[in-house]
């Protein structure tokens, strides 16, 4: 079927890792999933709406930016958008 055009990848509710690691990926793991999928683009989901776990509510977006930079992935290829924002791939 070819490469994925747009992936929706969760980046939130991942702390504490000892408890959440089996069911939620952290932002660094989300970047790895983006790379593994060979997605042309990814949109972050499952973050920032309300406090679920022990990471700060704004931590997933900050950690995503850091993980993208560490892996050399352009920020426009994996975006965390505000709730209600329209996105075109």
PDB file of N, CA and C in Angstrom:
ATOM      1  N   UNK A   1       0.813  -1.196   0.000  1.00  0.00           N
ATOM      2  CA  UNK A   1       0.000   0.000   0.000  1.00  0.00           C
ATOM      3  C   UNK A   1       0.861   1.267   0.000  1.00  0.00           C
ATOM      4  N   UNK A   2       2.135   1.130   0.172  1.00  0.00           N
ATOM      5  CA  UNK A   2       2.997   2.304   0.129  1.00  0.00           C
ATOM      6  C   UNK A   2       3.139   2.983   1.467  1.00  0.00           C
ATOM      7  N   UNK A   3       3.898   4.065   1.483  1.00  0.00           N
ATOM      8  CA  UNK A   3       4.126   4.772   2.743  1.00  0.00           C
ATOM      9  C   UNK A   3       2.858   5.434   3.273  1.00  0.00           C
ATOM     10  N   UNK A   4       2.830   5.660   4.550  1.00  0.00           N
ATOM     11  CA  UNK A   4       1.698   6.318   5.204  1.00  0.00           C
ATOM     12  C   UNK A   4       1.806   7.818   4.949  1.00  0.00           C
ATOM     13  N   UNK A   5       0.710   8.428   4.530  1.00  0.00           N
ATOM     14  CA  UNK A   5       0.693   9.870   4.292  1.00  0.00           C
ATOM     15  C   UNK A   5       0.682  10.652   5.603  1.00  0.00           C
ATOM     16  N   UNK A   6      -0.204  10.265   6.513  1.00  0.00           N
ATOM     17  CA  UNK A   6      -0.353  10.999   7.761  1.00  0.00           C
ATOM     18  C   UNK A   6      -0.686  10.029   8.885  1.00  0.00           C
ATOM     19  N   UNK A   7       0.141  10.022   9.925  1.00  0.00           N
ATOM     20  CA  UNK A   7      -0.069   9.158  11.096  1.00  0.00           C
ATOM     21  C   UNK A   7      -0.513  10.012  12.276  1.00  0.00           C
ATOM     22  N   UNK A   8      -1.448   9.502  13.056  1.00  0.00           N
ATOM     23  CA  UNK A   8      -1.835  10.122  14.319  1.00  0.00           C
ATOM     24  C   UNK A   8      -1.136   9.324  15.411  1.00  0.00           C
ATOM     25  N   UNK A   9      -0.242   9.986  16.145  1.00  0.00           N
ATOM     26  CA  UNK A   9       0.622   9.280  17.089  1.00  0.00           C
ATOM     27  C   UNK A   9       0.455   9.882  18.485  1.00  0.00           C
ATOM     28  N   UNK A  10       0.143   9.060  19.495  1.00  0.00           N
ATOM     29  CA  UNK A  10      -0.018   9.584  20.849  1.00  0.00           C
ATOM     30  C   UNK A  10       1.312   9.976  21.475  1.00  0.00           C
ATOM     31  N   UNK A  11       1.294  11.102  22.235  1.00  0.00           N
ATOM     32  CA  UNK A  11       2.532  11.542  22.889  1.00  0.00           C
ATOM     33  C   UNK A  11       2.338  11.806  24.381  1.00  0.00           C
ATOM     34  N   UNK A  12       1.154  11.619  24.945  1.00  0.00           N
ATOM     35  CA  UNK A  12       0.909  12.006  26.334  1.00  0.00           C
ATOM     36  C   UNK A  12       0.573  10.858  27.255  1.00  0.00           C
ATOM     37  N   UNK A  13       0.421  11.200  28.524  1.00  0.00           N
ATOM     38  CA  UNK A  13       0.052  10.264  29.594  1.00  0.00           C
ATOM     39  C   UNK A  13       1.055   9.121  29.709  1.00  0.00           C
ATOM     40  N   UNK A  14       2.317   9.465  29.884  1.00  0.00           N
ATOM     41  CA  UNK A  14       3.376   8.452  29.885  1.00  0.00           C
ATOM     42  C   UNK A  14       4.175   8.353  31.182  1.00  0.00           C
ATOM     43  N   UNK A  15       3.911   9.188  32.162  1.00  0.00           N
ATOM     44  CA  UNK A  15       4.637   9.130  33.436  1.00  0.00           C
ATOM     45  C   UNK A  15       3.705   8.688  34.556  1.00  0.00           C
ATOM     46  N   UNK A  16       4.153   7.924  35.499  1.00  0.00           N
ATOM     47  CA  UNK A  16       5.503   7.382  35.648  1.00  0.00           C
ATOM     48  C   UNK A  16       5.733   6.205  34.703  1.00  0.00           C
ATOM     49  N   UNK A  17       6.931   6.146  34.128  1.00  0.00           N
ATOM     50  CA  UNK A  17       7.248   5.121  33.123  1.00  0.00           C
ATOM     51  C   UNK A  17       7.069   3.713  33.658  1.00  0.00           C
ATOM     52  N   UNK A  18       7.434   3.461  34.908  1.00  0.00           N
ATOM     53  CA  UNK A  18       7.322   2.093  35.441  1.00  0.00           C
ATOM     54  C   UNK A  18       5.883   1.591  35.347  1.00  0.00           C
ATOM     55  N   UNK A  19       4.920   2.489  35.392  1.00  0.00           N
ATOM     56  CA  UNK A  19       3.511   2.114  35.367  1.00  0.00           C
ATOM     57  C   UNK A  19       2.900   2.238  33.969  1.00  0.00           C
ATOM     58  N   UNK A  20       3.297   3.253  33.217  1.00  0.00           N
ATOM     59  CA  UNK A  20       2.641   3.560  31.948  1.00  0.00           C
ATOM     60  C   UNK A  20       3.340   3.010  30.712  1.00  0.00           C
ATOM     61  N   UNK A  21       4.567   2.509  30.845  1.00  0.00           N
ATOM     62  CA  UNK A  21       5.358   2.131  29.670  1.00  0.00           C
ATOM     63  C   UNK A  21       4.732   1.030  28.827  1.00  0.00           C
ATOM     64  N   UNK A  22       3.931   0.184  29.411  1.00  0.00           N
ATOM     65  CA  UNK A  22       3.335  -0.913  28.643  1.00  0.00           C
ATOM     66  C   UNK A  22       2.087  -0.489  27.859  1.00  0.00           C
ATOM     67  N   UNK A  23       1.557   0.698  28.155  1.00  0.00           N
ATOM     68  CA  UNK A  23       0.314   1.101  27.486  1.00  0.00           C
ATOM     69  C   UNK A  23       0.362   2.469  26.817  1.00  0.00           C
ATOM     70  N   UNK A  24       1.362   3.308  27.146  1.00  0.00           N
ATOM     71  CA  UNK A  24       1.471   4.639  26.545  1.00  0.00           C
ATOM     72  C   UNK A  24       2.916   4.904  26.146  1.00  0.00           C
ATOM     73  N   UNK A  25       3.115   5.419  24.938  1.00  0.00           N
ATOM     74  CA  UNK A  25       4.474   5.778  24.527  1.00  0.00           C
ATOM     75  C   UNK A  25       4.777   7.211  24.938  1.00  0.00           C
ATOM     76  N   UNK A  26       6.044   7.478  25.174  1.00  0.00           N
ATOM     77  CA  UNK A  26       6.464   8.842  25.476  1.00  0.00           C
ATOM     78  C   UNK A  26       6.836   9.534  24.155  1.00  0.00           C
ATOM     79  N   UNK A  27       7.122  10.828  24.172  1.00  0.00           N
ATOM     80  CA  UNK A  27       7.416  11.521  22.920  1.00  0.00           C
ATOM     81  C   UNK A  27       8.597  10.946  22.138  1.00  0.00           C
ATOM     82  N   UNK A  28       9.646  10.515  22.808  1.00  0.00           N
ATOM     83  CA  UNK A  28      10.786   9.915  22.095  1.00  0.00           C
ATOM     84  C   UNK A  28      10.359   8.626  21.390  1.00  0.00           C
ATOM     85  N   UNK A  29       9.542   7.827  22.047  1.00  0.00           N
ATOM     86  CA  UNK A  29       9.032   6.603  21.416  1.00  0.00           C
ATOM     87  C   UNK A  29       8.082   6.936  20.268  1.00  0.00           C
ATOM     88  N   UNK A  30       7.342   8.030  20.405  1.00  0.00           N
ATOM     89  CA  UNK A  30       6.444   8.463  19.328  1.00  0.00           C
ATOM     90  C   UNK A  30       7.241   8.854  18.083  1.00  0.00           C
ATOM     91  N   UNK A  31       8.368   9.532  18.290  1.00  0.00           N
ATOM     92  CA  UNK A  31       9.225   9.880  17.149  1.00  0.00           C
ATOM     93  C   UNK A  31       9.754   8.608  16.502  1.00  0.00           C
ATOM     94  N   UNK A  32      10.131   7.627  17.299  1.00  0.00           N
ATOM     95  CA  UNK A  32      10.599   6.360  16.741  1.00  0.00           C
ATOM     96  C   UNK A  32       9.482   5.683  15.946  1.00  0.00           C
ATOM     97  N   UNK A  33       8.253   5.731  16.450  1.00  0.00           N
ATOM     98  CA  UNK A  33       7.113   5.154  15.717  1.00  0.00           C
ATOM     99  C   UNK A  33       6.928   5.870  14.382  1.00  0.00           C
ATOM    100  N   UNK A  34       7.035   7.192  14.388  1.00  0.00           N
ATOM    101  CA  UNK A  34       6.947   7.980  13.150  1.00  0.00           C
ATOM    102  C   UNK A  34       7.993   7.491  12.136  1.00  0.00           C
ATOM    103  N   UNK A  35       9.217   7.303  12.606  1.00  0.00           N
ATOM    104  CA  UNK A  35      10.288   6.829  11.720  1.00  0.00           C
ATOM    105  C   UNK A  35      10.040   5.394  11.268  1.00  0.00           C
ATOM    106  N   UNK A  36       9.613   4.531  12.175  1.00  0.00           N
ATOM    107  CA  UNK A  36       9.345   3.130  11.828  1.00  0.00           C
ATOM    108  C   UNK A  36       8.230   3.015  10.784  1.00  0.00           C
ATOM    109  N   UNK A  37       7.221   3.871  10.911  1.00  0.00           N
ATOM    110  CA  UNK A  37       6.101   3.855   9.969  1.00  0.00           C
ATOM    111  C   UNK A  37       6.454   4.458   8.617  1.00  0.00           C
ATOM    112  N   UNK A  38       7.578   5.185   8.576  1.00  0.00           N
ATOM    113  CA  UNK A  38       7.984   5.908   7.364  1.00  0.00           C
ATOM    114  C   UNK A  38       6.870   6.845   6.909  1.00  0.00           C
ATOM    115  N   UNK A  39       6.220   7.467   7.900  1.00  0.00           N
ATOM    116  CA  UNK A  39       5.119   8.388   7.605  1.00  0.00           C
ATOM    117  C   UNK A  39       5.661   9.664   6.975  1.00  0.00           C
ATOM    118  N   UNK A  40       4.956  10.163   5.988  1.00  0.00           N
ATOM    119  CA  UNK A  40       5.339  11.446   5.388  1.00  0.00           C
ATOM    120  C   UNK A  40       5.141  12.569   6.400  1.00  0.00           C
ATOM    121  N   UNK A  41       4.115  12.425   7.234  1.00  0.00           N
ATOM    122  CA  UNK A  41       3.839  13.395   8.281  1.00  0.00           C
ATOM    123  C   UNK A  41       3.137  12.723   9.434  1.00  0.00           C
ATOM    124  N   UNK A  42       3.256  13.300  10.613  1.00  0.00           N
ATOM    125  CA  UNK A  42       2.554  12.799  11.793  1.00  0.00           C
ATOM    126  C   UNK A  42       1.965  13.966  12.559  1.00  0.00           C
ATOM    127  N   UNK A  43       0.838  13.691  13.201  1.00  0.00           N
ATOM    128  CA  UNK A  43       0.181  14.643  14.080  1.00  0.00           C
ATOM    129  C   UNK A  43       0.137  13.994  15.468  1.00  0.00           C
ATOM    130  N   UNK A  44       0.604  14.757  16.455  1.00  0.00           N
ATOM    131  CA  UNK A  44       0.560  14.278  17.833  1.00  0.00           C
ATOM    132  C   UNK A  44      -0.872  14.298  18.341  1.00  0.00           C
ATOM    133  N   UNK A  45      -1.226  13.298  19.129  1.00  0.00           N
ATOM    134  CA  UNK A  45      -2.560  13.240  19.735  1.00  0.00           C
ATOM    135  C   UNK A  45      -2.432  12.733  21.166  1.00  0.00           C
ATOM    136  N   UNK A  46      -3.523  12.770  21.888  1.00  0.00           N
ATOM    137  CA  UNK A  46      -3.601  12.222  23.248  1.00  0.00           C
ATOM    138  C   UNK A  46      -2.671  12.981  24.200  1.00  0.00           C
ATOM    139  N   UNK A  47      -2.805  14.306  24.204  1.00  0.00           N
ATOM    140  CA  UNK A  47      -2.000  15.144  25.101  1.00  0.00           C
ATOM    141  C   UNK A  47      -2.700  16.479  25.329  1.00  0.00           C
ATOM    142  N   UNK A  48      -2.403  17.112  26.439  1.00  0.00           N
ATOM    143  CA  UNK A  48      -2.737  18.500  26.679  1.00  0.00           C
ATOM    144  C   UNK A  48      -4.185  18.878  26.923  1.00  0.00           C
ATOM    145  N   UNK A  49      -5.106  17.941  26.921  1.00  0.00           N
ATOM    146  CA  UNK A  49      -6.504  18.299  27.136  1.00  0.00           C
ATOM    147  C   UNK A  49      -6.810  18.430  28.620  1.00  0.00           C
ATOM    148  N   UNK A  50      -6.373  17.443  29.401  1.00  0.00           N
ATOM    149  CA  UNK A  50      -6.495  17.508  30.850  1.00  0.00           C
ATOM    150  C   UNK A  50      -5.416  16.632  31.465  1.00  0.00           C
ATOM    151  N   UNK A  51      -5.124  16.876  32.727  1.00  0.00           N
ATOM    152  CA  UNK A  51      -4.041  16.187  33.426  1.00  0.00           C
ATOM    153  C   UNK A  51      -4.447  14.744  33.728  1.00  0.00           C
ATOM    154  N   UNK A  52      -3.750  13.787  33.129  1.00  0.00           N
ATOM    155  CA  UNK A  52      -4.031  12.370  33.370  1.00  0.00           C
ATOM    156  C   UNK A  52      -2.973  11.714  34.255  1.00  0.00           C
ATOM    157  N   UNK A  53      -1.727  12.071  34.038  1.00  0.00           N
ATOM    158  CA  UNK A  53      -0.629  11.400  34.720  1.00  0.00           C
ATOM    159  C   UNK A  53       0.341  12.444  35.279  1.00  0.00           C
ATOM    160  N   UNK A  54       1.500  11.999  35.731  1.00  0.00           N
ATOM    161  CA  UNK A  54       2.372  12.885  36.493  1.00  0.00           C
ATOM    162  C   UNK A  54       3.253  13.830  35.674  1.00  0.00           C
ATOM    163  N   UNK A  55       3.357  13.671  34.341  1.00  0.00           N
ATOM    164  CA  UNK A  55       4.124  14.687  33.598  1.00  0.00           C
ATOM    165  C   UNK A  55       3.286  15.961  33.507  1.00  0.00           C
ATOM    166  N   UNK A  56       3.973  17.098  33.409  1.00  0.00           N
ATOM    167  CA  UNK A  56       3.272  18.371  33.284  1.00  0.00           C
ATOM    168  C   UNK A  56       2.404  18.396  32.040  1.00  0.00           C
ATOM    169  N   UNK A  57       1.339  19.143  32.070  1.00  0.00           N
ATOM    170  CA  UNK A  57       0.411  19.160  30.951  1.00  0.00           C
ATOM    171  C   UNK A  57       1.067  19.664  29.670  1.00  0.00           C
ATOM    172  N   UNK A  58       2.087  20.522  29.789  1.00  0.00           N
ATOM    173  CA  UNK A  58       2.789  21.021  28.606  1.00  0.00           C
ATOM    174  C   UNK A  58       4.069  20.243  28.301  1.00  0.00           C
ATOM    175  N   UNK A  59       4.399  19.286  29.117  1.00  0.00           N
ATOM    176  CA  UNK A  59       5.632  18.507  28.943  1.00  0.00           C
ATOM    177  C   UNK A  59       5.666  17.683  27.649  1.00  0.00           C
ATOM    178  N   UNK A  60       4.591  17.008  27.229  1.00  0.00           N
ATOM    179  CA  UNK A  60       4.670  16.204  26.006  1.00  0.00           C
ATOM    180  C   UNK A  60       5.093  17.006  24.773  1.00  0.00           C
ATOM    181  N   UNK A  61       4.592  18.218  24.618  1.00  0.00           N
ATOM    182  CA  UNK A  61       4.945  19.029  23.442  1.00  0.00           C
ATOM    183  C   UNK A  61       6.418  19.435  23.507  1.00  0.00           C
ATOM    184  N   UNK A  62       6.888  19.839  24.687  1.00  0.00           N
ATOM    185  CA  UNK A  62       8.292  20.207  24.855  1.00  0.00           C
ATOM    186  C   UNK A  62       9.194  19.001  24.583  1.00  0.00           C
ATOM    187  N   UNK A  63       8.826  17.837  25.133  1.00  0.00           N
ATOM    188  CA  UNK A  63       9.622  16.626  24.939  1.00  0.00           C
ATOM    189  C   UNK A  63       9.584  16.150  23.489  1.00  0.00           C
ATOM    190  N   UNK A  64       8.470  16.365  22.794  1.00  0.00           N
ATOM    191  CA  UNK A  64       8.393  16.007  21.381  1.00  0.00           C
ATOM    192  C   UNK A  64       9.385  16.844  20.579  1.00  0.00           C
ATOM    193  N   UNK A  65       9.413  18.149  20.816  1.00  0.00           N
ATOM    194  CA  UNK A  65      10.353  19.019  20.097  1.00  0.00           C
ATOM    195  C   UNK A  65      11.796  18.580  20.343  1.00  0.00           C
ATOM    196  N   UNK A  66      12.096  18.232  21.570  1.00  0.00           N
ATOM    197  CA  UNK A  66      13.447  17.763  21.918  1.00  0.00           C
ATOM    198  C   UNK A  66      13.775  16.454  21.204  1.00  0.00           C
ATOM    199  N   UNK A  67      12.834  15.515  21.204  1.00  0.00           N
ATOM    200  CA  UNK A  67      13.052  14.216  20.559  1.00  0.00           C
ATOM    201  C   UNK A  67      13.213  14.366  19.047  1.00  0.00           C
ATOM    202  N   UNK A  68      12.435  15.248  18.441  1.00  0.00           N
ATOM    203  CA  UNK A  68      12.564  15.485  17.000  1.00  0.00           C
ATOM    204  C   UNK A  68      13.945  16.035  16.676  1.00  0.00           C
ATOM    205  N   UNK A  69      14.410  16.989  17.465  1.00  0.00           N
ATOM    206  CA  UNK A  69      15.741  17.571  17.240  1.00  0.00           C
ATOM    207  C   UNK A  69      16.836  16.517  17.412  1.00  0.00           C
ATOM    208  N   UNK A  70      16.713  15.697  18.448  1.00  0.00           N
ATOM    209  CA  UNK A  70      17.716  14.655  18.694  1.00  0.00           C
ATOM    210  C   UNK A  70      17.796  13.656  17.549  1.00  0.00           C
ATOM    211  N   UNK A  71      16.656  13.361  16.913  1.00  0.00           N
ATOM    212  CA  UNK A  71      16.621  12.370  15.832  1.00  0.00           C
ATOM    213  C   UNK A  71      16.752  13.010  14.446  1.00  0.00           C
ATOM    214  N   UNK A  72      16.869  14.317  14.379  1.00  0.00           N
ATOM    215  CA  UNK A  72      17.038  15.001  13.105  1.00  0.00           C
ATOM    216  C   UNK A  72      15.790  15.009  12.240  1.00  0.00           C
ATOM    217  N   UNK A  73      14.620  14.987  12.877  1.00  0.00           N
ATOM    218  CA  UNK A  73      13.352  15.014  12.140  1.00  0.00           C
ATOM    219  C   UNK A  73      12.843  16.455  12.138  1.00  0.00           C
ATOM    220  N   UNK A  74      12.528  16.958  10.970  1.00  0.00           N
ATOM    221  CA  UNK A  74      12.018  18.326  10.851  1.00  0.00           C
ATOM    222  C   UNK A  74      10.701  18.468  11.600  1.00  0.00           C
ATOM    223  N   UNK A  75      10.564  19.555  12.350  1.00  0.00           N
ATOM    224  CA  UNK A  75       9.368  19.783  13.166  1.00  0.00           C
ATOM    225  C   UNK A  75       8.090  19.785  12.331  1.00  0.00           C
ATOM    226  N   UNK A  76       8.162  20.218  11.078  1.00  0.00           N
ATOM    227  CA  UNK A  76       6.948  20.234  10.247  1.00  0.00           C
ATOM    228  C   UNK A  76       6.507  18.830   9.811  1.00  0.00           C
ATOM    229  N   UNK A  77       7.345  17.835  10.018  1.00  0.00           N
ATOM    230  CA  UNK A  77       6.964  16.453   9.678  1.00  0.00           C
ATOM    231  C   UNK A  77       6.194  15.772  10.799  1.00  0.00           C
ATOM    232  N   UNK A  78       6.280  16.304  12.041  1.00  0.00           N
ATOM    233  CA  UNK A  78       5.574  15.717  13.194  1.00  0.00           C
ATOM    234  C   UNK A  78       5.121  16.883  14.058  1.00  0.00           C
ATOM    235  N   UNK A  79       3.867  17.238  13.905  1.00  0.00           N
ATOM    236  CA  UNK A  79       3.356  18.454  14.548  1.00  0.00           C
ATOM    237  C   UNK A  79       2.424  18.147  15.710  1.00  0.00           C
ATOM    238  N   UNK A  80       2.511  18.977  16.718  1.00  0.00           N
ATOM    239  CA  UNK A  80       1.555  18.976  17.831  1.00  0.00           C
ATOM    240  C   UNK A  80       0.709  20.237  17.646  1.00  0.00           C
ATOM    241  N   UNK A  81      -0.545  20.059  17.279  1.00  0.00           N
ATOM    242  CA  UNK A  81      -1.401  21.197  16.978  1.00  0.00           C
ATOM    243  C   UNK A  81      -2.378  21.445  18.131  1.00  0.00           C
ATOM    244  N   UNK A  82      -2.881  22.671  18.215  1.00  0.00           N
ATOM    245  CA  UNK A  82      -3.847  23.049  19.233  1.00  0.00           C
ATOM    246  C   UNK A  82      -5.181  22.345  18.949  1.00  0.00           C
ATOM    247  N   UNK A  83      -5.941  22.083  19.993  1.00  0.00           N
ATOM    248  CA  UNK A  83      -7.265  21.486  19.855  1.00  0.00           C
ATOM    249  C   UNK A  83      -8.116  22.361  18.947  1.00  0.00           C
ATOM    250  N   UNK A  84      -8.773  21.742  17.966  1.00  0.00           N
ATOM    251  CA  UNK A  84      -9.650  22.443  17.042  1.00  0.00           C
ATOM    252  C   UNK A  84      -8.986  22.975  15.791  1.00  0.00           C
ATOM    253  N   UNK A  85      -7.656  22.801  15.696  1.00  0.00           N
ATOM    254  CA  UNK A  85      -6.929  23.290  14.531  1.00  0.00           C
ATOM    255  C   UNK A  85      -7.156  22.374  13.343  1.00  0.00           C
ATOM    256  N   UNK A  86      -7.356  22.956  12.170  1.00  0.00           N
ATOM    257  CA  UNK A  86      -7.463  22.177  10.930  1.00  0.00           C
ATOM    258  C   UNK A  86      -6.043  21.917  10.406  1.00  0.00           C
ATOM    259  N   UNK A  87      -5.850  20.746   9.851  1.00  0.00           N
ATOM    260  CA  UNK A  87      -4.532  20.353   9.354  1.00  0.00           C
ATOM    261  C   UNK A  87      -4.665  19.819   7.946  1.00  0.00           C
ATOM    262  N   UNK A  88      -3.760  20.255   7.082  1.00  0.00           N
ATOM    263  CA  UNK A  88      -3.666  19.707   5.737  1.00  0.00           C
ATOM    264  C   UNK A  88      -2.315  19.035   5.611  1.00  0.00           C
ATOM    265  N   UNK A  89      -2.280  17.785   5.160  1.00  0.00           N
ATOM    266  CA  UNK A  89      -0.989  17.077   5.048  1.00  0.00           C
ATOM    267  C   UNK A  89      -0.069  17.717   4.025  1.00  0.00           C
TER     268      UNK A  89
END
